[in-house]
Amino acid sequence: MKNYKQSITNRKDKNNFIKYFIILCIFMLFGAVAEWPYGYYIFLRWITCITSILIAFQAFEKNIDWAKVVFIITTILFNPLAPIYLSRSTWIPLDILTAILFILAIRIL
């Protein structure tokens, strides 16, 4: 019984850790609408990519098909190692849409 309770506690801690990443990412994505130095957007790519990977793993564990696809695409789009270069006018709606997707992701965790 003790191991079962520890397992539940560890799972909640893991989910809370991921939720903190998601919340940080949401604020940063909405903040990206403003003008920032280029370093902000590089940091945003890293945070968004890492958060998308974490959510995708959770989606695979919970077998949520739409989240698997959406967050794998998000990971590719925000990949900082092989960046996709788009204009600012294209990134702004993508940032807002991605922030909304992260808000939905909090509900599935």
PDB file of N, CA and C in Angstrom:
ATOM      1  N   MET A   1       0.823  -1.190   0.000  1.00  0.00           N
ATOM      2  CA  MET A   1       0.000   0.000   0.000  1.00  0.00           C
ATOM      3  C   MET A   1       0.868   1.255   0.000  1.00  0.00           C
ATOM      4  N   LYS A   2       1.983   1.204   0.703  1.00  0.00           N
ATOM      5  CA  LYS A   2       2.873   2.353   0.788  1.00  0.00           C
ATOM      6  C   LYS A   2       3.452   2.694  -0.588  1.00  0.00           C
ATOM      7  N   ASN A   3       3.848   1.683  -1.350  1.00  0.00           N
ATOM      8  CA  ASN A   3       4.399   1.913  -2.692  1.00  0.00           C
ATOM      9  C   ASN A   3       3.365   2.532  -3.617  1.00  0.00           C
ATOM     10  N   TYR A   4       2.111   2.113  -3.465  1.00  0.00           N
ATOM     11  CA  TYR A   4       1.038   2.657  -4.290  1.00  0.00           C
ATOM     12  C   TYR A   4       0.861   4.148  -4.009  1.00  0.00           C
ATOM     13  N   LYS A   5       0.873   4.520  -2.724  1.00  0.00           N
ATOM     14  CA  LYS A   5       0.726   5.934  -2.354  1.00  0.00           C
ATOM     15  C   LYS A   5       1.917   6.746  -2.841  1.00  0.00           C
ATOM     16  N   GLN A   6       3.114   6.176  -2.755  1.00  0.00           N
ATOM     17  CA  GLN A   6       4.294   6.867  -3.259  1.00  0.00           C
ATOM     18  C   GLN A   6       4.200   7.064  -4.764  1.00  0.00           C
ATOM     19  N   SER A   7       3.676   6.070  -5.451  1.00  0.00           N
ATOM     20  CA  SER A   7       3.525   6.148  -6.896  1.00  0.00           C
ATOM     21  C   SER A   7       2.574   7.284  -7.278  1.00  0.00           C
ATOM     22  N   ILE A   8       1.472   7.394  -6.558  1.00  0.00           N
ATOM     23  CA  ILE A   8       0.506   8.461  -6.831  1.00  0.00           C
ATOM     24  C   ILE A   8       1.128   9.819  -6.532  1.00  0.00           C
ATOM     25  N   THR A   9       1.859   9.926  -5.435  1.00  0.00           N
ATOM     26  CA  THR A   9       2.514  11.184  -5.080  1.00  0.00           C
ATOM     27  C   THR A   9       3.550  11.572  -6.119  1.00  0.00           C
ATOM     28  N   ASN A  10       4.348  10.608  -6.579  1.00  0.00           N
ATOM     29  CA  ASN A  10       5.355  10.893  -7.602  1.00  0.00           C
ATOM     30  C   ASN A  10       4.714  11.344  -8.905  1.00  0.00           C
ATOM     31  N   ARG A  11       3.598  10.726  -9.265  1.00  0.00           N
ATOM     32  CA  ARG A  11       2.902  11.099 -10.494  1.00  0.00           C
ATOM     33  C   ARG A  11       2.367  12.525 -10.389  1.00  0.00           C
ATOM     34  N   LYS A  12       1.824  12.893  -9.225  1.00  0.00           N
ATOM     35  CA  LYS A  12       1.320  14.255  -9.030  1.00  0.00           C
ATOM     36  C   LYS A  12       2.462  15.260  -9.081  1.00  0.00           C
ATOM     37  N   ASP A  13       3.606  14.933  -8.482  1.00  0.00           N
ATOM     38  CA  ASP A  13       4.759  15.820  -8.527  1.00  0.00           C
ATOM     39  C   ASP A  13       5.235  16.024  -9.961  1.00  0.00           C
ATOM     40  N   LYS A  14       5.256  14.944 -10.717  1.00  0.00           N
ATOM     41  CA  LYS A  14       5.678  15.007 -12.122  1.00  0.00           C
ATOM     42  C   LYS A  14       4.714  15.883 -12.917  1.00  0.00           C
ATOM     43  N   ASN A  15       3.402  15.710 -12.696  1.00  0.00           N
ATOM     44  CA  ASN A  15       2.414  16.517 -13.398  1.00  0.00           C
ATOM     45  C   ASN A  15       2.512  17.985 -13.007  1.00  0.00           C
ATOM     46  N   ASN A  16       2.771  18.265 -11.719  1.00  0.00           N
ATOM     47  CA  ASN A  16       2.931  19.648 -11.284  1.00  0.00           C
ATOM     48  C   ASN A  16       4.148  20.281 -11.941  1.00  0.00           C
ATOM     49  N   PHE A  17       5.239  19.534 -12.045  1.00  0.00           N
ATOM     50  CA  PHE A  17       6.449  20.021 -12.700  1.00  0.00           C
ATOM     51  C   PHE A  17       6.153  20.401 -14.145  1.00  0.00           C
ATOM     52  N   ILE A  18       5.433  19.542 -14.856  1.00  0.00           N
ATOM     53  CA  ILE A  18       5.084  19.807 -16.247  1.00  0.00           C
ATOM     54  C   ILE A  18       4.139  21.004 -16.337  1.00  0.00           C
ATOM     55  N   LYS A  19       3.203  21.105 -15.400  1.00  0.00           N
ATOM     56  CA  LYS A  19       2.271  22.240 -15.426  1.00  0.00           C
ATOM     57  C   LYS A  19       2.994  23.561 -15.235  1.00  0.00           C
ATOM     58  N   TYR A  20       4.032  23.599 -14.403  1.00  0.00           N
ATOM     59  CA  TYR A  20       4.811  24.830 -14.236  1.00  0.00           C
ATOM     60  C   TYR A  20       5.500  25.216 -15.545  1.00  0.00           C
ATOM     61  N   PHE A  21       6.025  24.234 -16.255  1.00  0.00           N
ATOM     62  CA  PHE A  21       6.623  24.493 -17.570  1.00  0.00           C
ATOM     63  C   PHE A  21       5.565  25.038 -18.528  1.00  0.00           C
ATOM     64  N   ILE A  22       4.387  24.435 -18.513  1.00  0.00           N
ATOM     65  CA  ILE A  22       3.319  24.868 -19.413  1.00  0.00           C
ATOM     66  C   ILE A  22       2.912  26.311 -19.111  1.00  0.00           C
ATOM     67  N   ILE A  23       2.756  26.633 -17.834  1.00  0.00           N
ATOM     68  CA  ILE A  23       2.356  27.993 -17.450  1.00  0.00           C
ATOM     69  C   ILE A  23       3.420  28.999 -17.876  1.00  0.00           C
ATOM     70  N   LEU A  24       4.690  28.678 -17.649  1.00  0.00           N
ATOM     71  CA  LEU A  24       5.777  29.551 -18.095  1.00  0.00           C
ATOM     72  C   LEU A  24       5.700  29.759 -19.601  1.00  0.00           C
ATOM     73  N   CYS A  25       5.480  28.687 -20.308  1.00  0.00           N
ATOM     74  CA  CYS A  25       5.421  28.730 -21.769  1.00  0.00           C
ATOM     75  C   CYS A  25       4.237  29.570 -22.249  1.00  0.00           C
ATOM     76  N   ILE A  26       3.091  29.452 -21.596  1.00  0.00           N
ATOM     77  CA  ILE A  26       1.906  30.231 -21.969  1.00  0.00           C
ATOM     78  C   ILE A  26       2.200  31.721 -21.847  1.00  0.00           C
ATOM     79  N   PHE A  27       2.767  32.122 -20.706  1.00  0.00           N
ATOM     80  CA  PHE A  27       3.085  33.535 -20.506  1.00  0.00           C
ATOM     81  C   PHE A  27       4.099  34.033 -21.534  1.00  0.00           C
ATOM     82  N   MET A  28       5.109  33.203 -21.810  1.00  0.00           N
ATOM     83  CA  MET A  28       6.121  33.613 -22.781  1.00  0.00           C
ATOM     84  C   MET A  28       5.544  33.719 -24.190  1.00  0.00           C
ATOM     85  N   LEU A  29       4.648  32.800 -24.552  1.00  0.00           N
ATOM     86  CA  LEU A  29       4.052  32.842 -25.893  1.00  0.00           C
ATOM     87  C   LEU A  29       3.148  34.065 -26.062  1.00  0.00           C
ATOM     88  N   PHE A  30       2.350  34.375 -25.050  1.00  0.00           N
ATOM     89  CA  PHE A  30       1.539  35.592 -25.133  1.00  0.00           C
ATOM     90  C   PHE A  30       2.424  36.833 -25.114  1.00  0.00           C
ATOM     91  N   GLY A  31       3.523  36.765 -24.377  1.00  0.00           N
ATOM     92  CA  GLY A  31       4.458  37.881 -24.334  1.00  0.00           C
ATOM     93  C   GLY A  31       5.202  38.087 -25.631  1.00  0.00           C
ATOM     94  N   ALA A  32       5.283  37.066 -26.442  1.00  0.00           N
ATOM     95  CA  ALA A  32       6.017  37.159 -27.711  1.00  0.00           C
ATOM     96  C   ALA A  32       5.338  38.083 -28.717  1.00  0.00           C
ATOM     97  N   VAL A  33       4.112  38.488 -28.433  1.00  0.00           N
ATOM     98  CA  VAL A  33       3.411  39.419 -29.305  1.00  0.00           C
ATOM     99  C   VAL A  33       4.110  40.785 -29.282  1.00  0.00           C
ATOM    100  N   ALA A  34       4.708  41.123 -28.146  1.00  0.00           N
ATOM    101  CA  ALA A  34       5.446  42.389 -28.025  1.00  0.00           C
ATOM    102  C   ALA A  34       6.815  42.248 -28.692  1.00  0.00           C
ATOM    103  N   GLU A  35       7.478  43.376 -28.873  1.00  0.00           N
ATOM    104  CA  GLU A  35       8.837  43.372 -29.443  1.00  0.00           C
ATOM    105  C   GLU A  35       9.847  43.078 -28.345  1.00  0.00           C
ATOM    106  N   TRP A  36      10.679  42.080 -28.560  1.00  0.00           N
ATOM    107  CA  TRP A  36      11.712  41.685 -27.614  1.00  0.00           C
ATOM    108  C   TRP A  36      13.030  41.518 -28.367  1.00  0.00           C
ATOM    109  N   PRO A  37      14.139  41.491 -27.627  1.00  0.00           N
ATOM    110  CA  PRO A  37      15.416  41.161 -28.280  1.00  0.00           C
ATOM    111  C   PRO A  37      15.366  39.735 -28.828  1.00  0.00           C
ATOM    112  N   TYR A  38      16.215  39.469 -29.798  1.00  0.00           N
ATOM    113  CA  TYR A  38      16.215  38.160 -30.467  1.00  0.00           C
ATOM    114  C   TYR A  38      16.445  37.010 -29.485  1.00  0.00           C
ATOM    115  N   GLY A  39      17.215  37.247 -28.427  1.00  0.00           N
ATOM    116  CA  GLY A  39      17.480  36.204 -27.435  1.00  0.00           C
ATOM    117  C   GLY A  39      16.217  35.686 -26.762  1.00  0.00           C
ATOM    118  N   TYR A  40      15.218  36.538 -26.596  1.00  0.00           N
ATOM    119  CA  TYR A  40      13.940  36.119 -26.006  1.00  0.00           C
ATOM    120  C   TYR A  40      13.298  35.034 -26.862  1.00  0.00           C
ATOM    121  N   TYR A  41      13.327  35.239 -28.156  1.00  0.00           N
ATOM    122  CA  TYR A  41      12.674  34.290 -29.062  1.00  0.00           C
ATOM    123  C   TYR A  41      13.434  32.967 -29.149  1.00  0.00           C
ATOM    124  N   ILE A  42      14.740  33.025 -29.004  1.00  0.00           N
ATOM    125  CA  ILE A  42      15.525  31.788 -28.947  1.00  0.00           C
ATOM    126  C   ILE A  42      15.174  31.017 -27.677  1.00  0.00           C
ATOM    127  N   PHE A  43      15.125  31.742 -26.550  1.00  0.00           N
ATOM    128  CA  PHE A  43      14.742  31.108 -25.277  1.00  0.00           C
ATOM    129  C   PHE A  43      13.315  30.557 -25.366  1.00  0.00           C
ATOM    130  N   LEU A  44      12.431  31.301 -26.019  1.00  0.00           N
ATOM    131  CA  LEU A  44      11.048  30.843 -26.209  1.00  0.00           C
ATOM    132  C   LEU A  44      11.010  29.537 -26.999  1.00  0.00           C
ATOM    133  N   ARG A  45      11.834  29.432 -28.032  1.00  0.00           N
ATOM    134  CA  ARG A  45      11.905  28.181 -28.807  1.00  0.00           C
ATOM    135  C   ARG A  45      12.301  27.007 -27.911  1.00  0.00           C
ATOM    136  N   TRP A  46      13.332  27.203 -27.083  1.00  0.00           N
ATOM    137  CA  TRP A  46      13.789  26.129 -26.198  1.00  0.00           C
ATOM    138  C   TRP A  46      12.688  25.711 -25.228  1.00  0.00           C
ATOM    139  N   ILE A  47      12.092  26.688 -24.549  1.00  0.00           N
ATOM    140  CA  ILE A  47      11.058  26.379 -23.555  1.00  0.00           C
ATOM    141  C   ILE A  47       9.856  25.715 -24.219  1.00  0.00           C
ATOM    142  N   THR A  48       9.421  26.237 -25.353  1.00  0.00           N
ATOM    143  CA  THR A  48       8.250  25.675 -26.039  1.00  0.00           C
ATOM    144  C   THR A  48       8.536  24.266 -26.563  1.00  0.00           C
ATOM    145  N   CYS A  49       9.719  24.052 -27.084  1.00  0.00           N
ATOM    146  CA  CYS A  49      10.084  22.730 -27.592  1.00  0.00           C
ATOM    147  C   CYS A  49      10.133  21.699 -26.463  1.00  0.00           C
ATOM    148  N   ILE A  50      10.788  22.055 -25.366  1.00  0.00           N
ATOM    149  CA  ILE A  50      10.885  21.135 -24.226  1.00  0.00           C
ATOM    150  C   ILE A  50       9.498  20.835 -23.657  1.00  0.00           C
ATOM    151  N   THR A  51       8.682  21.871 -23.509  1.00  0.00           N
ATOM    152  CA  THR A  51       7.333  21.685 -22.972  1.00  0.00           C
ATOM    153  C   THR A  51       6.491  20.819 -23.902  1.00  0.00           C
ATOM    154  N   SER A  52       6.617  21.026 -25.194  1.00  0.00           N
ATOM    155  CA  SER A  52       5.865  20.214 -26.162  1.00  0.00           C
ATOM    156  C   SER A  52       6.273  18.747 -26.088  1.00  0.00           C
ATOM    157  N   ILE A  53       7.554  18.501 -25.901  1.00  0.00           N
ATOM    158  CA  ILE A  53       8.029  17.115 -25.757  1.00  0.00           C
ATOM    159  C   ILE A  53       7.437  16.486 -24.501  1.00  0.00           C
ATOM    160  N   LEU A  54       7.449  17.220 -23.399  1.00  0.00           N
ATOM    161  CA  LEU A  54       6.888  16.695 -22.144  1.00  0.00           C
ATOM    162  C   LEU A  54       5.403  16.373 -22.298  1.00  0.00           C
ATOM    163  N   ILE A  55       4.665  17.265 -22.942  1.00  0.00           N
ATOM    164  CA  ILE A  55       3.229  17.022 -23.144  1.00  0.00           C
ATOM    165  C   ILE A  55       3.009  15.845 -24.095  1.00  0.00           C
ATOM    166  N   ALA A  56       3.825  15.740 -25.130  1.00  0.00           N
ATOM    167  CA  ALA A  56       3.681  14.622 -26.068  1.00  0.00           C
ATOM    168  C   ALA A  56       3.903  13.287 -25.353  1.00  0.00           C
ATOM    169  N   PHE A  57       4.903  13.232 -24.468  1.00  0.00           N
ATOM    170  CA  PHE A  57       5.115  12.005 -23.695  1.00  0.00           C
ATOM    171  C   PHE A  57       3.905  11.685 -22.828  1.00  0.00           C
ATOM    172  N   GLN A  58       3.331  12.708 -22.198  1.00  0.00           N
ATOM    173  CA  GLN A  58       2.123  12.488 -21.397  1.00  0.00           C
ATOM    174  C   GLN A  58       0.970  12.004 -22.271  1.00  0.00           C
ATOM    175  N   ALA A  59       0.863  12.564 -23.470  1.00  0.00           N
ATOM    176  CA  ALA A  59      -0.204  12.148 -24.387  1.00  0.00           C
ATOM    177  C   ALA A  59      -0.027  10.688 -24.800  1.00  0.00           C
ATOM    178  N   PHE A  60       1.229  10.246 -24.988  1.00  0.00           N
ATOM    179  CA  PHE A  60       1.472   8.840 -25.312  1.00  0.00           C
ATOM    180  C   PHE A  60       1.133   7.940 -24.130  1.00  0.00           C
ATOM    181  N   GLU A  61       1.469   8.388 -22.918  1.00  0.00           N
ATOM    182  CA  GLU A  61       1.145   7.591 -21.728  1.00  0.00           C
ATOM    183  C   GLU A  61      -0.363   7.452 -21.546  1.00  0.00           C
ATOM    184  N   LYS A  62      -1.100   8.527 -21.832  1.00  0.00           N
ATOM    185  CA  LYS A  62      -2.547   8.526 -21.622  1.00  0.00           C
ATOM    186  C   LYS A  62      -3.319   8.196 -22.896  1.00  0.00           C
ATOM    187  N   ASN A  63      -2.599   7.941 -23.989  1.00  0.00           N
ATOM    188  CA  ASN A  63      -3.182   7.561 -25.278  1.00  0.00           C
ATOM    189  C   ASN A  63      -4.204   8.596 -25.776  1.00  0.00           C
ATOM    190  N   ILE A  64      -3.780   9.853 -25.818  1.00  0.00           N
ATOM    191  CA  ILE A  64      -4.621  10.942 -26.326  1.00  0.00           C
ATOM    192  C   ILE A  64      -4.087  11.301 -27.712  1.00  0.00           C
ATOM    193  N   ASP A  65      -4.758  10.793 -28.732  1.00  0.00           N
ATOM    194  CA  ASP A  65      -4.254  10.880 -30.102  1.00  0.00           C
ATOM    195  C   ASP A  65      -4.070  12.308 -30.610  1.00  0.00           C
ATOM    196  N   TRP A  66      -5.075  13.167 -30.401  1.00  0.00           N
ATOM    197  CA  TRP A  66      -4.960  14.529 -30.929  1.00  0.00           C
ATOM    198  C   TRP A  66      -3.773  15.254 -30.317  1.00  0.00           C
ATOM    199  N   ALA A  67      -3.525  15.036 -29.030  1.00  0.00           N
ATOM    200  CA  ALA A  67      -2.413  15.713 -28.351  1.00  0.00           C
ATOM    201  C   ALA A  67      -1.073  15.193 -28.859  1.00  0.00           C
ATOM    202  N   LYS A  68      -1.006  13.907 -29.178  1.00  0.00           N
ATOM    203  CA  LYS A  68       0.231  13.357 -29.731  1.00  0.00           C
ATOM    204  C   LYS A  68       0.619  14.114 -30.994  1.00  0.00           C
ATOM    205  N   VAL A  69      -0.325  14.209 -31.915  1.00  0.00           N
ATOM    206  CA  VAL A  69      -0.061  14.842 -33.212  1.00  0.00           C
ATOM    207  C   VAL A  69       0.252  16.327 -33.041  1.00  0.00           C
ATOM    208  N   VAL A  70      -0.586  17.027 -32.295  1.00  0.00           N
ATOM    209  CA  VAL A  70      -0.442  18.480 -32.137  1.00  0.00           C
ATOM    210  C   VAL A  70       0.896  18.840 -31.507  1.00  0.00           C
ATOM    211  N   PHE A  71       1.295  18.126 -30.470  1.00  0.00           N
ATOM    212  CA  PHE A  71       2.507  18.532 -29.767  1.00  0.00           C
ATOM    213  C   PHE A  71       3.780  18.000 -30.422  1.00  0.00           C
ATOM    214  N   ILE A  72       3.678  16.988 -31.247  1.00  0.00           N
ATOM    215  CA  ILE A  72       4.833  16.611 -32.073  1.00  0.00           C
ATOM    216  C   ILE A  72       5.054  17.684 -33.142  1.00  0.00           C
ATOM    217  N   ILE A  73       3.974  18.164 -33.747  1.00  0.00           N
ATOM    218  CA  ILE A  73       4.091  19.249 -34.726  1.00  0.00           C
ATOM    219  C   ILE A  73       4.633  20.514 -34.061  1.00  0.00           C
ATOM    220  N   THR A  74       4.149  20.809 -32.861  1.00  0.00           N
ATOM    221  CA  THR A  74       4.639  21.980 -32.120  1.00  0.00           C
ATOM    222  C   THR A  74       6.122  21.842 -31.815  1.00  0.00           C
ATOM    223  N   THR A  75       6.548  20.648 -31.458  1.00  0.00           N
ATOM    224  CA  THR A  75       7.971  20.405 -31.196  1.00  0.00           C
ATOM    225  C   THR A  75       8.804  20.680 -32.444  1.00  0.00           C
ATOM    226  N   ILE A  76       8.332  20.225 -33.585  1.00  0.00           N
ATOM    227  CA  ILE A  76       9.059  20.456 -34.837  1.00  0.00           C
ATOM    228  C   ILE A  76       9.077  21.946 -35.182  1.00  0.00           C
ATOM    229  N   LEU A  77       7.942  22.618 -35.021  1.00  0.00           N
ATOM    230  CA  LEU A  77       7.835  24.026 -35.369  1.00  0.00           C
ATOM    231  C   LEU A  77       8.750  24.909 -34.518  1.00  0.00           C
ATOM    232  N   PHE A  78       8.855  24.596 -33.223  1.00  0.00           N
ATOM    233  CA  PHE A  78       9.652  25.420 -32.310  1.00  0.00           C
ATOM    234  C   PHE A  78      11.037  24.834 -32.031  1.00  0.00           C
ATOM    235  N   ASN A  79      11.459  23.857 -32.799  1.00  0.00           N
ATOM    236  CA  ASN A  79      12.753  23.216 -32.597  1.00  0.00           C
ATOM    237  C   ASN A  79      13.888  24.251 -32.699  1.00  0.00           C
ATOM    238  N   PRO A  80      14.661  24.436 -31.628  1.00  0.00           N
ATOM    239  CA  PRO A  80      15.727  25.437 -31.682  1.00  0.00           C
ATOM    240  C   PRO A  80      16.989  24.945 -32.397  1.00  0.00           C
ATOM    241  N   LEU A  81      17.132  23.653 -32.584  1.00  0.00           N
ATOM    242  CA  LEU A  81      18.331  23.108 -33.228  1.00  0.00           C
ATOM    243  C   LEU A  81      18.248  23.151 -34.750  1.00  0.00           C
ATOM    244  N   ALA A  82      17.037  23.037 -35.277  1.00  0.00           N
ATOM    245  CA  ALA A  82      16.799  23.164 -36.720  1.00  0.00           C
ATOM    246  C   ALA A  82      15.627  24.124 -36.891  1.00  0.00           C
ATOM    247  N   PRO A  83      15.875  25.415 -36.664  1.00  0.00           N
ATOM    248  CA  PRO A  83      14.765  26.380 -36.620  1.00  0.00           C
ATOM    249  C   PRO A  83      14.072  26.569 -37.962  1.00  0.00           C
ATOM    250  N   ILE A  84      12.787  26.819 -37.867  1.00  0.00           N
ATOM    251  CA  ILE A  84      11.982  27.186 -39.026  1.00  0.00           C
ATOM    252  C   ILE A  84      11.836  28.700 -38.967  1.00  0.00           C
ATOM    253  N   TYR A  85      12.279  29.384 -40.003  1.00  0.00           N
ATOM    254  CA  TYR A  85      12.242  30.838 -40.025  1.00  0.00           C
ATOM    255  C   TYR A  85      10.976  31.312 -40.733  1.00  0.00           C
ATOM    256  N   LEU A  86      10.170  32.066 -40.000  1.00  0.00           N
ATOM    257  CA  LEU A  86       8.947  32.644 -40.540  1.00  0.00           C
ATOM    258  C   LEU A  86       8.946  34.139 -40.231  1.00  0.00           C
ATOM    259  N   SER A  87       8.090  34.880 -40.905  1.00  0.00           N
ATOM    260  CA  SER A  87       8.007  36.319 -40.645  1.00  0.00           C
ATOM    261  C   SER A  87       7.300  36.558 -39.309  1.00  0.00           C
ATOM    262  N   ARG A  88       7.508  37.740 -38.772  1.00  0.00           N
ATOM    263  CA  ARG A  88       6.882  38.107 -37.503  1.00  0.00           C
ATOM    264  C   ARG A  88       5.360  38.046 -37.609  1.00  0.00           C
ATOM    265  N   SER A  89       4.820  38.461 -38.756  1.00  0.00           N
ATOM    266  CA  SER A  89       3.365  38.448 -38.931  1.00  0.00           C
ATOM    267  C   SER A  89       2.812  37.021 -38.959  1.00  0.00           C
ATOM    268  N   THR A  90       3.637  36.054 -39.260  1.00  0.00           N
ATOM    269  CA  THR A  90       3.215  34.651 -39.233  1.00  0.00           C
ATOM    270  C   THR A  90       3.381  34.069 -37.832  1.00  0.00           C
ATOM    271  N   TRP A  91       4.449  34.465 -37.139  1.00  0.00           N
ATOM    272  CA  TRP A  91       4.714  33.921 -35.810  1.00  0.00           C
ATOM    273  C   TRP A  91       3.695  34.362 -34.769  1.00  0.00           C
ATOM    274  N   ILE A  92       3.198  35.596 -34.865  1.00  0.00           N
ATOM    275  CA  ILE A  92       2.279  36.100 -33.836  1.00  0.00           C
ATOM    276  C   ILE A  92       1.033  35.217 -33.710  1.00  0.00           C
ATOM    277  N   PRO A  93       0.301  34.908 -34.805  1.00  0.00           N
ATOM    278  CA  PRO A  93      -0.855  34.008 -34.643  1.00  0.00           C
ATOM    279  C   PRO A  93      -0.449  32.601 -34.201  1.00  0.00           C
ATOM    280  N   LEU A  94       0.710  32.122 -34.657  1.00  0.00           N
ATOM    281  CA  LEU A  94       1.171  30.796 -34.228  1.00  0.00           C
ATOM    282  C   LEU A  94       1.469  30.768 -32.734  1.00  0.00           C
ATOM    283  N   ASP A  95       2.064  31.846 -32.232  1.00  0.00           N
ATOM    284  CA  ASP A  95       2.340  31.923 -30.793  1.00  0.00           C
ATOM    285  C   ASP A  95       1.049  31.919 -29.987  1.00  0.00           C
ATOM    286  N   ILE A  96       0.068  32.682 -30.429  1.00  0.00           N
ATOM    287  CA  ILE A  96      -1.216  32.739 -29.715  1.00  0.00           C
ATOM    288  C   ILE A  96      -1.925  31.395 -29.778  1.00  0.00           C
ATOM    289  N   LEU A  97      -1.951  30.780 -30.953  1.00  0.00           N
ATOM    290  CA  LEU A  97      -2.577  29.458 -31.098  1.00  0.00           C
ATOM    291  C   LEU A  97      -1.874  28.424 -30.230  1.00  0.00           C
ATOM    292  N   THR A  98      -0.563  28.463 -30.193  1.00  0.00           N
ATOM    293  CA  THR A  98       0.200  27.514 -29.383  1.00  0.00           C
ATOM    294  C   THR A  98      -0.079  27.727 -27.899  1.00  0.00           C
ATOM    295  N   ALA A  99      -0.188  28.980 -27.475  1.00  0.00           N
ATOM    296  CA  ALA A  99      -0.517  29.260 -26.073  1.00  0.00           C
ATOM    297  C   ALA A  99      -1.889  28.686 -25.724  1.00  0.00           C
ATOM    298  N   ILE A 100      -2.840  28.819 -26.624  1.00  0.00           N
ATOM    299  CA  ILE A 100      -4.182  28.251 -26.384  1.00  0.00           C
ATOM    300  C   ILE A 100      -4.113  26.732 -26.308  1.00  0.00           C
ATOM    301  N   LEU A 101      -3.303  26.114 -27.152  1.00  0.00           N
ATOM    302  CA  LEU A 101      -3.137  24.657 -27.101  1.00  0.00           C
ATOM    303  C   LEU A 101      -2.521  24.219 -25.768  1.00  0.00           C
ATOM    304  N   PHE A 102      -1.581  25.016 -25.256  1.00  0.00           N
ATOM    305  CA  PHE A 102      -1.001  24.691 -23.961  1.00  0.00           C
ATOM    306  C   PHE A 102      -2.018  24.838 -22.834  1.00  0.00           C
ATOM    307  N   ILE A 103      -2.912  25.806 -22.965  1.00  0.00           N
ATOM    308  CA  ILE A 103      -3.987  25.944 -21.967  1.00  0.00           C
ATOM    309  C   ILE A 103      -4.860  24.689 -21.985  1.00  0.00           C
ATOM    310  N   LEU A 104      -5.165  24.191 -23.165  1.00  0.00           N
ATOM    311  CA  LEU A 104      -5.945  22.940 -23.279  1.00  0.00           C
ATOM    312  C   LEU A 104      -5.155  21.752 -22.721  1.00  0.00           C
ATOM    313  N   ALA A 105      -3.840  21.783 -22.903  1.00  0.00           N
ATOM    314  CA  ALA A 105      -2.999  20.667 -22.435  1.00  0.00           C
ATOM    315  C   ALA A 105      -3.006  20.563 -20.917  1.00  0.00           C
ATOM    316  N   ILE A 106      -3.130  21.693 -20.233  1.00  0.00           N
ATOM    317  CA  ILE A 106      -3.186  21.640 -18.760  1.00  0.00           C
ATOM    318  C   ILE A 106      -4.378  20.804 -18.324  1.00  0.00           C
ATOM    319  N   ARG A 107      -5.443  20.877 -19.073  1.00  0.00           N
ATOM    320  CA  ARG A 107      -6.651  20.142 -18.698  1.00  0.00           C
ATOM    321  C   ARG A 107      -6.522  18.633 -18.894  1.00  0.00           C
ATOM    322  N   ILE A 108      -5.632  18.188 -19.786  1.00  0.00           N
ATOM    323  CA  ILE A 108      -5.493  16.739 -20.017  1.00  0.00           C
ATOM    324  C   ILE A 108      -4.482  16.093 -19.078  1.00  0.00           C
ATOM    325  N   LEU A 109      -3.688  16.889 -18.390  1.00  0.00           N
ATOM    326  CA  LEU A 109      -2.678  16.318 -17.498  1.00  0.00           C
ATOM    327  C   LEU A 109      -3.241  15.943 -16.158  1.00  0.00           C
TER     328      LEU A 109
END
